Amino acid sequence: ELYGGNKVRKLEYVLCRARDRGARRVATFGTVGSNHALATALFARTL
């Protein structure tokens, strides 16, 4: 509901590992209009 597209399926696993390993911040790469960068930022904030 927050943001659709293919990135959400990957982030379920990747952000879980970040959280479980005690991360305090997430960083990622993309272009200015990157759907991946935007999805990562939006879902990381929910965690």
All heavy atoms as atom14 arrays in JSON, in Angstrom:
{
  "sequence": "ELYGGNKVRKLEYVLCRARDRGARRVATFGTVGSNHALATALFARTL",
  "atom14_mask": [
    [1, 1, 1, 1, 1, 1, 1, 1, 1, 0, 0, 0, 0, 0],
    [1, 1, 1, 1, 1, 1, 1, 1, 0, 0, 0, 0, 0, 0],
    [1, 1, 1, 1, 1, 1, 1, 1, 1, 1, 1, 1, 0, 0],
    [1, 1, 1, 1, 0, 0, 0, 0, 0, 0, 0, 0, 0, 0],
    [1, 1, 1, 1, 0, 0, 0, 0, 0, 0, 0, 0, 0, 0],
    [1, 1, 1, 1, 1, 1, 1, 1, 0, 0, 0, 0, 0, 0],
    [1, 1, 1, 1, 1, 1, 1, 1, 1, 0, 0, 0, 0, 0],
    [1, 1, 1, 1, 1, 1, 1, 0, 0, 0, 0, 0, 0, 0],
    [1, 1, 1, 1, 1, 1, 1, 1, 1, 1, 1, 0, 0, 0],
    [1, 1, 1, 1, 1, 1, 1, 1, 1, 0, 0, 0, 0, 0],
    [1, 1, 1, 1, 1, 1, 1, 1, 0, 0, 0, 0, 0, 0],
    [1, 1, 1, 1, 1, 1, 1, 1, 1, 0, 0, 0, 0, 0],
    [1, 1, 1, 1, 1, 1, 1, 1, 1, 1, 1, 1, 0, 0],
    [1, 1, 1, 1, 1, 1, 1, 0, 0, 0, 0, 0, 0, 0],
    [1, 1, 1, 1, 1, 1, 1, 1, 0, 0, 0, 0, 0, 0],
    [1, 1, 1, 1, 1, 1, 0, 0, 0, 0, 0, 0, 0, 0],
    [1, 1, 1, 1, 1, 1, 1, 1, 1, 1, 1, 0, 0, 0],
    [1, 1, 1, 1, 1, 0, 0, 0, 0, 0, 0, 0, 0, 0],
    [1, 1, 1, 1, 1, 1, 1, 1, 1, 1, 1, 0, 0, 0],
    [1, 1, 1, 1, 1, 1, 1, 1, 0, 0, 0, 0, 0, 0],
    [1, 1, 1, 1, 1, 1, 1, 1, 1, 1, 1, 0, 0, 0],
    [1, 1, 1, 1, 0, 0, 0, 0, 0, 0, 0, 0, 0, 0],
    [1, 1, 1, 1, 1, 0, 0, 0, 0, 0, 0, 0, 0, 0],
    [1, 1, 1, 1, 1, 1, 1, 1, 1, 1, 1, 0, 0, 0],
    [1, 1, 1, 1, 1, 1, 1, 1, 1, 1, 1, 0, 0, 0],
    [1, 1, 1, 1, 1, 1, 1, 0, 0, 0, 0, 0, 0, 0],
    [1, 1, 1, 1, 1, 0, 0, 0, 0, 0, 0, 0, 0, 0],
    [1, 1, 1, 1, 1, 1, 1, 0, 0, 0, 0, 0, 0, 0],
    [1, 1, 1, 1, 1, 1, 1, 1, 1, 1, 1, 0, 0, 0],
    [1, 1, 1, 1, 0, 0, 0, 0, 0, 0, 0, 0, 0, 0],
    [1, 1, 1, 1, 1, 1, 1, 0, 0, 0, 0, 0, 0, 0],
    [1, 1, 1, 1, 1, 1, 1, 0, 0, 0, 0, 0, 0, 0],
    [1, 1, 1, 1, 0, 0, 0, 0, 0, 0, 0, 0, 0, 0],
    [1, 1, 1, 1, 1, 1, 0, 0, 0, 0, 0, 0, 0, 0],
    [1, 1, 1, 1, 1, 1, 1, 1, 0, 0, 0, 0, 0, 0],
    [1, 1, 1, 1, 1, 1, 1, 1, 1, 1, 0, 0, 0, 0],
    [1, 1, 1, 1, 1, 0, 0, 0, 0, 0, 0, 0, 0, 0],
    [1, 1, 1, 1, 1, 1, 1, 1, 0, 0, 0, 0, 0, 0],
    [1, 1, 1, 1, 1, 0, 0, 0, 0, 0, 0, 0, 0, 0],
    [1, 1, 1, 1, 1, 1, 1, 0, 0, 0, 0, 0, 0, 0],
    [1, 1, 1, 1, 1, 0, 0, 0, 0, 0, 0, 0, 0, 0],
    [1, 1, 1, 1, 1, 1, 1, 1, 0, 0, 0, 0, 0, 0],
    [1, 1, 1, 1, 1, 1, 1, 1, 1, 1, 1, 0, 0, 0],
    [1, 1, 1, 1, 1, 0, 0, 0, 0, 0, 0, 0, 0, 0],
    [1, 1, 1, 1, 1, 1, 1, 1, 1, 1, 1, 0, 0, 0],
    [1, 1, 1, 1, 1, 1, 1, 0, 0, 0, 0, 0, 0, 0],
    [1, 1, 1, 1, 1, 1, 1, 1, 0, 0, 0, 0, 0, 0]
  ],
  "atom14_positions": [
    [[0.82, -1.2, 0.0], [0.0, 0.0, 0.0], [0.86, 1.25, 0.0], [0.52, 2.26, -0.64], [-0.91, 0.0, 1.23], [-1.98, 1.06, 1.22], [-3.05, 0.84, 0.16], [-3.32, -0.33, -0.18], [-3.59, 1.85, -0.34], [0.0, 0.0, 0.0], [0.0, 0.0, 0.0], [0.0, 0.0, 0.0], [0.0, 0.0, 0.0], [0.0, 0.0, 0.0]],
    [[1.98, 1.22, 0.71], [2.85, 2.39, 0.8], [3.5, 2.71, -0.53], [3.55, 3.87, -0.96], [3.93, 2.14, 1.86], [5.02, 3.21, 2.01], [4.41, 4.55, 2.43], [6.08, 2.75, 3.01], [0.0, 0.0, 0.0], [0.0, 0.0, 0.0], [0.0, 0.0, 0.0], [0.0, 0.0, 0.0], [0.0, 0.0, 0.0], [0.0, 0.0, 0.0]],
    [[4.01, 1.68, -1.2], [4.72, 1.85, -2.47], [4.8, 0.49, -3.13], [5.22, -0.49, -2.51], [6.13, 2.4, -2.2], [6.86, 2.91, -3.42], [6.58, 4.17, -3.94], [7.84, 2.14, -4.05], [7.26, 4.65, -5.06], [8.52, 2.61, -5.16], [8.23, 3.87, -5.66], [8.9, 4.35, -6.77], [0.0, 0.0, 0.0], [0.0, 0.0, 0.0]],
    [[4.36, 0.41, -4.39], [4.36, -0.86, -5.08], [5.62, -1.08, -5.9], [6.61, -0.38, -5.75], [0.0, 0.0, 0.0], [0.0, 0.0, 0.0], [0.0, 0.0, 0.0], [0.0, 0.0, 0.0], [0.0, 0.0, 0.0], [0.0, 0.0, 0.0], [0.0, 0.0, 0.0], [0.0, 0.0, 0.0], [0.0, 0.0, 0.0], [0.0, 0.0, 0.0]],
    [[5.56, -2.07, -6.77], [6.71, -2.37, -7.62], [7.53, -3.53, -7.1], [7.29, -4.07, -6.02], [0.0, 0.0, 0.0], [0.0, 0.0, 0.0], [0.0, 0.0, 0.0], [0.0, 0.0, 0.0], [0.0, 0.0, 0.0], [0.0, 0.0, 0.0], [0.0, 0.0, 0.0], [0.0, 0.0, 0.0], [0.0, 0.0, 0.0], [0.0, 0.0, 0.0]],
    [[8.55, -3.88, -7.87], [9.3, -5.1, -7.58], [10.27, -4.97, -6.42], [10.72, -5.98, -5.86], [10.06, -5.56, -8.83], [11.1, -4.55, -9.29], [10.88, -3.35, -9.26], [12.24, -5.04, -9.75], [0.0, 0.0, 0.0], [0.0, 0.0, 0.0], [0.0, 0.0, 0.0], [0.0, 0.0, 0.0], [0.0, 0.0, 0.0], [0.0, 0.0, 0.0]],
    [[10.64, -3.74, -6.01], [11.66, -3.58, -4.98], [11.19, -4.08, -3.62], [12.01, -4.49, -2.78], [12.08, -2.12, -4.87], [12.49, -1.49, -6.19], [13.6, -2.26, -6.89], [13.98, -1.6, -8.21], [15.0, -2.4, -8.94], [0.0, 0.0, 0.0], [0.0, 0.0, 0.0], [0.0, 0.0, 0.0], [0.0, 0.0, 0.0], [0.0, 0.0, 0.0]],
    [[9.89, -4.07, -3.38], [9.37, -4.42, -2.05], [9.72, -5.85, -1.68], [10.09, -6.14, -0.53], [7.85, -4.19, -2.0], [7.32, -4.39, -0.58], [7.48, -2.81, -2.51], [0.0, 0.0, 0.0], [0.0, 0.0, 0.0], [0.0, 0.0, 0.0], [0.0, 0.0, 0.0], [0.0, 0.0, 0.0], [0.0, 0.0, 0.0], [0.0, 0.0, 0.0]],
    [[9.63, -6.76, -2.63], [9.93, -8.17, -2.35], [11.38, -8.34, -1.89], [11.67, -9.13, -1.0], [9.67, -9.02, -3.59], [8.2, -9.11, -4.01], [8.08, -10.01, -5.22], [6.74, -10.14, -5.76], [5.84, -11.05, -5.41], [6.15, -11.94, -4.47], [4.65, -11.09, -5.97], [0.0, 0.0, 0.0], [0.0, 0.0, 0.0], [0.0, 0.0, 0.0]],
    [[12.3, -7.63, -2.51], [13.71, -7.73, -2.13], [13.94, -7.11, -0.75], [14.68, -7.66, 0.08], [14.59, -7.01, -3.16], [14.47, -7.53, -4.58], [15.3, -6.66, -5.53], [15.11, -7.08, -6.97], [15.9, -6.22, -7.9], [0.0, 0.0, 0.0], [0.0, 0.0, 0.0], [0.0, 0.0, 0.0], [0.0, 0.0, 0.0], [0.0, 0.0, 0.0]],
    [[13.3, -5.97, -0.51], [13.52, -5.26, 0.74], [13.01, -6.03, 1.95], [13.5, -5.83, 3.07], [12.87, -3.88, 0.67], [13.52, -2.89, -0.3], [12.65, -1.65, -0.46], [14.93, -2.51, 0.17], [0.0, 0.0, 0.0], [0.0, 0.0, 0.0], [0.0, 0.0, 0.0], [0.0, 0.0, 0.0], [0.0, 0.0, 0.0], [0.0, 0.0, 0.0]],
    [[12.05, -6.91, 1.77], [11.59, -7.72, 2.89], [12.75, -8.49, 3.53], [12.84, -8.61, 4.75], [10.51, -8.7, 2.43], [9.18, -8.05, 2.12], [8.06, -9.06, 2.02], [8.26, -10.11, 1.35], [6.99, -8.82, 2.59], [0.0, 0.0, 0.0], [0.0, 0.0, 0.0], [0.0, 0.0, 0.0], [0.0, 0.0, 0.0], [0.0, 0.0, 0.0]],
    [[13.63, -9.01, 2.7], [14.77, -9.79, 3.2], [15.95, -8.9, 3.57], [16.58, -9.1, 4.61], [15.18, -10.81, 2.13], [14.16, -11.89, 1.91], [13.15, -11.73, 0.96], [14.17, -13.05, 2.67], [12.18, -12.71, 0.77], [13.22, -14.04, 2.47], [12.22, -13.87, 1.53], [11.27, -14.84, 1.36], [0.0, 0.0, 0.0], [0.0, 0.0, 0.0]],
    [[16.22, -7.91, 2.73], [17.41, -7.08, 2.94], [17.27, -6.2, 4.17], [18.19, -6.1, 5.0], [17.68, -6.23, 1.68], [18.82, -5.26, 1.93], [18.0, -7.13, 0.48], [0.0, 0.0, 0.0], [0.0, 0.0, 0.0], [0.0, 0.0, 0.0], [0.0, 0.0, 0.0], [0.0, 0.0, 0.0], [0.0, 0.0, 0.0], [0.0, 0.0, 0.0]],
    [[16.12, -5.56, 4.35], [15.93, -4.69, 5.5], [15.79, -5.49, 6.79], [16.17, -5.01, 7.87], [14.71, -3.79, 5.29], [14.86, -2.71, 4.22], [13.58, -1.87, 4.12], [16.06, -1.81, 4.5], [0.0, 0.0, 0.0], [0.0, 0.0, 0.0], [0.0, 0.0, 0.0], [0.0, 0.0, 0.0], [0.0, 0.0, 0.0], [0.0, 0.0, 0.0]],
    [[15.25, -6.69, 6.7], [15.19, -7.55, 7.89], [16.59, -7.86, 8.39], [16.86, -7.78, 9.6], [14.45, -8.85, 7.55], [14.24, -9.95, 8.97], [0.0, 0.0, 0.0], [0.0, 0.0, 0.0], [0.0, 0.0, 0.0], [0.0, 0.0, 0.0], [0.0, 0.0, 0.0], [0.0, 0.0, 0.0], [0.0, 0.0, 0.0], [0.0, 0.0, 0.0]],
    [[17.48, -8.17, 7.48], [18.86, -8.46, 7.89], [19.53, -7.21, 8.47], [20.26, -7.31, 9.47], [19.67, -9.0, 6.72], [21.11, -9.3, 7.08], [21.77, -10.3, 6.18], [21.19, -11.62, 6.32], [21.73, -12.73, 5.8], [22.86, -12.67, 5.12], [21.14, -13.9, 5.96], [0.0, 0.0, 0.0], [0.0, 0.0, 0.0], [0.0, 0.0, 0.0]],
    [[19.3, -6.06, 7.88], [19.86, -4.82, 8.41], [19.4, -4.59, 9.85], [20.19, -4.27, 10.74], [19.46, -3.64, 7.53], [0.0, 0.0, 0.0], [0.0, 0.0, 0.0], [0.0, 0.0, 0.0], [0.0, 0.0, 0.0], [0.0, 0.0, 0.0], [0.0, 0.0, 0.0], [0.0, 0.0, 0.0], [0.0, 0.0, 0.0], [0.0, 0.0, 0.0]],
    [[18.11, -4.75, 10.08], [17.56, -4.55, 11.41], [18.12, -5.56, 12.4], [18.52, -5.22, 13.52], [16.03, -4.66, 11.36], [15.32, -4.39, 12.66], [13.88, -4.86, 12.6], [13.8, -6.31, 12.4], [12.65, -6.97, 12.25], [11.51, -6.31, 12.24], [12.64, -8.3, 12.08], [0.0, 0.0, 0.0], [0.0, 0.0, 0.0], [0.0, 0.0, 0.0]],
    [[18.17, -6.83, 11.97], [18.63, -7.9, 12.87], [20.11, -7.79, 13.2], [20.55, -8.29, 14.23], [18.32, -9.27, 12.26], [16.83, -9.56, 12.21], [16.05, -8.8, 12.82], [16.44, -10.54, 11.54], [0.0, 0.0, 0.0], [0.0, 0.0, 0.0], [0.0, 0.0, 0.0], [0.0, 0.0, 0.0], [0.0, 0.0, 0.0], [0.0, 0.0, 0.0]],
    [[20.88, -7.15, 12.32], [22.31, -6.98, 12.57], [22.62, -5.67, 13.31], [23.78, -5.32, 13.47], [23.07, -7.02, 11.25], [22.98, -8.37, 10.52], [23.78, -9.46, 11.21], [23.63, -10.75, 10.57], [24.37, -11.18, 9.55], [25.33, -10.39, 9.06], [24.18, -12.37, 9.02], [0.0, 0.0, 0.0], [0.0, 0.0, 0.0], [0.0, 0.0, 0.0]],
    [[21.59, -4.99, 13.76], [21.8, -3.81, 14.6], [22.13, -2.53, 13.87], [22.72, -1.61, 14.46], [0.0, 0.0, 0.0], [0.0, 0.0, 0.0], [0.0, 0.0, 0.0], [0.0, 0.0, 0.0], [0.0, 0.0, 0.0], [0.0, 0.0, 0.0], [0.0, 0.0, 0.0], [0.0, 0.0, 0.0], [0.0, 0.0, 0.0], [0.0, 0.0, 0.0]],
    [[21.74, -2.43, 12.62], [22.01, -1.2, 11.86], [21.25, -0.02, 12.47], [20.13, -0.17, 12.96], [21.61, -1.38, 10.4], [0.0, 0.0, 0.0], [0.0, 0.0, 0.0], [0.0, 0.0, 0.0], [0.0, 0.0, 0.0], [0.0, 0.0, 0.0], [0.0, 0.0, 0.0], [0.0, 0.0, 0.0], [0.0, 0.0, 0.0], [0.0, 0.0, 0.0]],
    [[21.85, 1.14, 12.42], [21.21, 2.38, 12.87], [20.78, 3.24, 11.69], [20.06, 4.21, 11.86], [22.18, 3.17, 13.75], [22.58, 2.48, 15.04], [21.44, 2.48, 16.05], [21.82, 1.83, 17.29], [22.47, 2.44, 18.28], [22.83, 3.71, 18.16], [22.77, 1.77, 19.38], [0.0, 0.0, 0.0], [0.0, 0.0, 0.0], [0.0, 0.0, 0.0]],
    [[21.24, 2.9, 10.52], [20.95, 3.67, 9.31], [21.09, 2.73, 8.11], [21.85, 1.75, 8.16], [21.9, 4.86, 9.18], [21.82, 5.63, 7.86], [22.72, 6.86, 7.87], [22.2, 7.88, 8.78], [21.33, 8.82, 8.42], [20.89, 8.87, 7.18], [20.92, 9.71, 9.3], [0.0, 0.0, 0.0], [0.0, 0.0, 0.0], [0.0, 0.0, 0.0]],
    [[20.37, 3.03, 7.05], [20.47, 2.3, 5.8], [20.98, 3.26, 4.73], [20.63, 4.45, 4.74], [19.1, 1.7, 5.39], [19.13, 1.2, 3.96], [18.71, 0.58, 6.34], [0.0, 0.0, 0.0], [0.0, 0.0, 0.0], [0.0, 0.0, 0.0], [0.0, 0.0, 0.0], [0.0, 0.0, 0.0], [0.0, 0.0, 0.0], [0.0, 0.0, 0.0]],
    [[21.79, 2.76, 3.82], [22.24, 3.55, 2.68], [22.1, 2.72, 1.41], [22.24, 1.49, 1.45], [23.68, 4.01, 2.84], [0.0, 0.0, 0.0], [0.0, 0.0, 0.0], [0.0, 0.0, 0.0], [0.0, 0.0, 0.0], [0.0, 0.0, 0.0], [0.0, 0.0, 0.0], [0.0, 0.0, 0.0], [0.0, 0.0, 0.0], [0.0, 0.0, 0.0]],
    [[21.81, 3.4, 0.32], [21.74, 2.68, -0.94], [22.09, 3.62, -2.08], [22.36, 4.81, -1.88], [20.36, 2.04, -1.16], [20.45, 1.06, -2.2], [19.29, 3.07, -1.51], [0.0, 0.0, 0.0], [0.0, 0.0, 0.0], [0.0, 0.0, 0.0], [0.0, 0.0, 0.0], [0.0, 0.0, 0.0], [0.0, 0.0, 0.0], [0.0, 0.0, 0.0]],
    [[22.08, 3.07, -3.3], [22.52, 3.78, -4.49], [21.43, 3.76, -5.55], [20.56, 2.89, -5.55], [23.78, 3.13, -5.06], [24.86, 2.89, -4.05], [24.9, 1.73, -3.3], [25.83, 3.85, -3.82], [25.9, 1.51, -2.36], [26.83, 3.66, -2.87], [26.86, 2.48, -2.14], [0.0, 0.0, 0.0], [0.0, 0.0, 0.0], [0.0, 0.0, 0.0]],
    [[21.5, 4.71, -6.46], [20.57, 4.74, -7.58], [20.78, 6.0, -8.38], [21.75, 6.73, -8.18], [0.0, 0.0, 0.0], [0.0, 0.0, 0.0], [0.0, 0.0, 0.0], [0.0, 0.0, 0.0], [0.0, 0.0, 0.0], [0.0, 0.0, 0.0], [0.0, 0.0, 0.0], [0.0, 0.0, 0.0], [0.0, 0.0, 0.0], [0.0, 0.0, 0.0]],
    [[19.86, 6.24, -9.29], [19.83, 7.51, -9.99], [18.83, 8.42, -9.29], [18.13, 7.99, -8.37], [19.43, 7.3, -11.45], [18.13, 6.67, -11.48], [20.44, 6.44, -12.19], [0.0, 0.0, 0.0], [0.0, 0.0, 0.0], [0.0, 0.0, 0.0], [0.0, 0.0, 0.0], [0.0, 0.0, 0.0], [0.0, 0.0, 0.0], [0.0, 0.0, 0.0]],
    [[18.75, 9.65, -9.74], [17.87, 10.63, -9.09], [16.42, 10.14, -9.01], [15.75, 10.29, -7.99], [17.96, 11.99, -9.81], [16.84, 12.92, -9.38], [19.31, 12.63, -9.54], [0.0, 0.0, 0.0], [0.0, 0.0, 0.0], [0.0, 0.0, 0.0], [0.0, 0.0, 0.0], [0.0, 0.0, 0.0], [0.0, 0.0, 0.0], [0.0, 0.0, 0.0]],
    [[15.95, 9.53, -10.09], [14.57, 9.06, -10.11], [14.4, 7.6, -9.75], [13.34, 7.01, -10.0], [0.0, 0.0, 0.0], [0.0, 0.0, 0.0], [0.0, 0.0, 0.0], [0.0, 0.0, 0.0], [0.0, 0.0, 0.0], [0.0, 0.0, 0.0], [0.0, 0.0, 0.0], [0.0, 0.0, 0.0], [0.0, 0.0, 0.0], [0.0, 0.0, 0.0]],
    [[15.41, 7.0, -9.13], [15.42, 5.56, -8.86], [14.24, 5.11, -8.01], [14.03, 5.6, -6.9], [16.72, 5.19, -8.15], [16.66, 3.9, -7.58], [0.0, 0.0, 0.0], [0.0, 0.0, 0.0], [0.0, 0.0, 0.0], [0.0, 0.0, 0.0], [0.0, 0.0, 0.0], [0.0, 0.0, 0.0], [0.0, 0.0, 0.0], [0.0, 0.0, 0.0]],
    [[13.48, 4.14, -8.52], [12.42, 3.52, -7.74], [13.0, 2.75, -6.57], [12.42, 2.71, -5.48], [11.6, 2.59, -8.63], [10.79, 3.33, -9.67], [9.98, 4.2, -9.33], [11.0, 3.0, -10.92], [0.0, 0.0, 0.0], [0.0, 0.0, 0.0], [0.0, 0.0, 0.0], [0.0, 0.0, 0.0], [0.0, 0.0, 0.0], [0.0, 0.0, 0.0]],
    [[14.14, 2.12, -6.79], [14.76, 1.36, -5.7], [15.17, 2.27, -4.55], [14.9, 1.96, -3.38], [16.0, 0.61, -6.21], [16.91, 0.19, -5.1], [16.58, -0.8, -4.2], [18.13, 0.67, -4.72], [17.57, -0.93, -3.32], [18.51, -0.05, -3.61], [0.0, 0.0, 0.0], [0.0, 0.0, 0.0], [0.0, 0.0, 0.0], [0.0, 0.0, 0.0]],
    [[15.83, 3.37, -4.85], [16.26, 4.28, -3.8], [15.06, 4.81, -3.02], [15.08, 4.89, -1.78], [17.07, 5.43, -4.39], [0.0, 0.0, 0.0], [0.0, 0.0, 0.0], [0.0, 0.0, 0.0], [0.0, 0.0, 0.0], [0.0, 0.0, 0.0], [0.0, 0.0, 0.0], [0.0, 0.0, 0.0], [0.0, 0.0, 0.0], [0.0, 0.0, 0.0]],
    [[14.01, 5.16, -3.74], [12.82, 5.7, -3.08], [12.14, 4.63, -2.22], [11.76, 4.9, -1.07], [11.85, 6.24, -4.13], [10.62, 6.97, -3.6], [11.0, 8.09, -2.64], [9.79, 7.52, -4.76], [0.0, 0.0, 0.0], [0.0, 0.0, 0.0], [0.0, 0.0, 0.0], [0.0, 0.0, 0.0], [0.0, 0.0, 0.0], [0.0, 0.0, 0.0]],
    [[11.98, 3.44, -2.77], [11.35, 2.36, -1.99], [12.17, 2.04, -0.75], [11.61, 1.85, 0.35], [11.2, 1.12, -2.86], [0.0, 0.0, 0.0], [0.0, 0.0, 0.0], [0.0, 0.0, 0.0], [0.0, 0.0, 0.0], [0.0, 0.0, 0.0], [0.0, 0.0, 0.0], [0.0, 0.0, 0.0], [0.0, 0.0, 0.0], [0.0, 0.0, 0.0]],
    [[13.49, 1.98, -0.88], [14.34, 1.69, 0.27], [14.16, 2.74, 1.36], [14.01, 2.42, 2.55], [15.82, 1.62, -0.15], [15.97, 0.6, -1.15], [16.71, 1.3, 1.04], [0.0, 0.0, 0.0], [0.0, 0.0, 0.0], [0.0, 0.0, 0.0], [0.0, 0.0, 0.0], [0.0, 0.0, 0.0], [0.0, 0.0, 0.0], [0.0, 0.0, 0.0]],
    [[14.16, 4.01, 0.97], [14.01, 5.09, 1.95], [12.66, 5.03, 2.64], [12.55, 5.19, 3.87], [14.2, 6.44, 1.26], [0.0, 0.0, 0.0], [0.0, 0.0, 0.0], [0.0, 0.0, 0.0], [0.0, 0.0, 0.0], [0.0, 0.0, 0.0], [0.0, 0.0, 0.0], [0.0, 0.0, 0.0], [0.0, 0.0, 0.0], [0.0, 0.0, 0.0]],
    [[11.59, 4.79, 1.87], [10.25, 4.77, 2.44], [10.07, 3.6, 3.41], [9.54, 3.78, 4.52], [9.21, 4.69, 1.33], [9.06, 5.92, 0.43], [8.14, 5.62, -0.75], [8.54, 7.12, 1.22], [0.0, 0.0, 0.0], [0.0, 0.0, 0.0], [0.0, 0.0, 0.0], [0.0, 0.0, 0.0], [0.0, 0.0, 0.0], [0.0, 0.0, 0.0]],
    [[10.5, 2.42, 3.02], [10.29, 1.26, 3.88], [11.27, 1.21, 5.05], [10.94, 0.72, 6.12], [10.34, -0.03, 3.05], [9.11, -0.24, 2.22], [9.14, -0.02, 0.85], [7.92, -0.62, 2.8], [8.0, -0.18, 0.08], [6.77, -0.81, 2.05], [6.81, -0.58, 0.68], [0.0, 0.0, 0.0], [0.0, 0.0, 0.0], [0.0, 0.0, 0.0]],
    [[12.47, 1.72, 4.85], [13.41, 1.8, 5.98], [12.83, 2.68, 7.08], [12.95, 2.36, 8.28], [14.75, 2.36, 5.51], [0.0, 0.0, 0.0], [0.0, 0.0, 0.0], [0.0, 0.0, 0.0], [0.0, 0.0, 0.0], [0.0, 0.0, 0.0], [0.0, 0.0, 0.0], [0.0, 0.0, 0.0], [0.0, 0.0, 0.0], [0.0, 0.0, 0.0]],
    [[12.19, 3.77, 6.7], [11.6, 4.66, 7.71], [10.52, 3.94, 8.52], [10.38, 4.2, 9.73], [11.0, 5.9, 7.02], [10.49, 6.93, 8.0], [9.89, 8.13, 7.31], [9.43, 9.12, 8.27], [8.75, 10.21, 7.95], [8.45, 10.45, 6.68], [8.37, 11.05, 8.89], [0.0, 0.0, 0.0], [0.0, 0.0, 0.0], [0.0, 0.0, 0.0]],
    [[9.75, 3.04, 7.88], [8.72, 2.31, 8.63], [9.33, 1.42, 9.7], [8.65, 1.04, 10.66], [7.84, 1.46, 7.7], [8.6, 0.37, 7.15], [7.24, 2.29, 6.58], [0.0, 0.0, 0.0], [0.0, 0.0, 0.0], [0.0, 0.0, 0.0], [0.0, 0.0, 0.0], [0.0, 0.0, 0.0], [0.0, 0.0, 0.0], [0.0, 0.0, 0.0]],
    [[10.62, 1.07, 9.53], [11.33, 0.25, 10.51], [12.16, 1.09, 11.47], [12.94, 0.55, 12.25], [12.23, -0.76, 9.79], [11.53, -1.73, 8.82], [12.54, -2.65, 8.17], [10.47, -2.54, 9.55], [0.0, 0.0, 0.0], [0.0, 0.0, 0.0], [0.0, 0.0, 0.0], [0.0, 0.0, 0.0], [0.0, 0.0, 0.0], [0.0, 0.0, 0.0]]
  ]
}
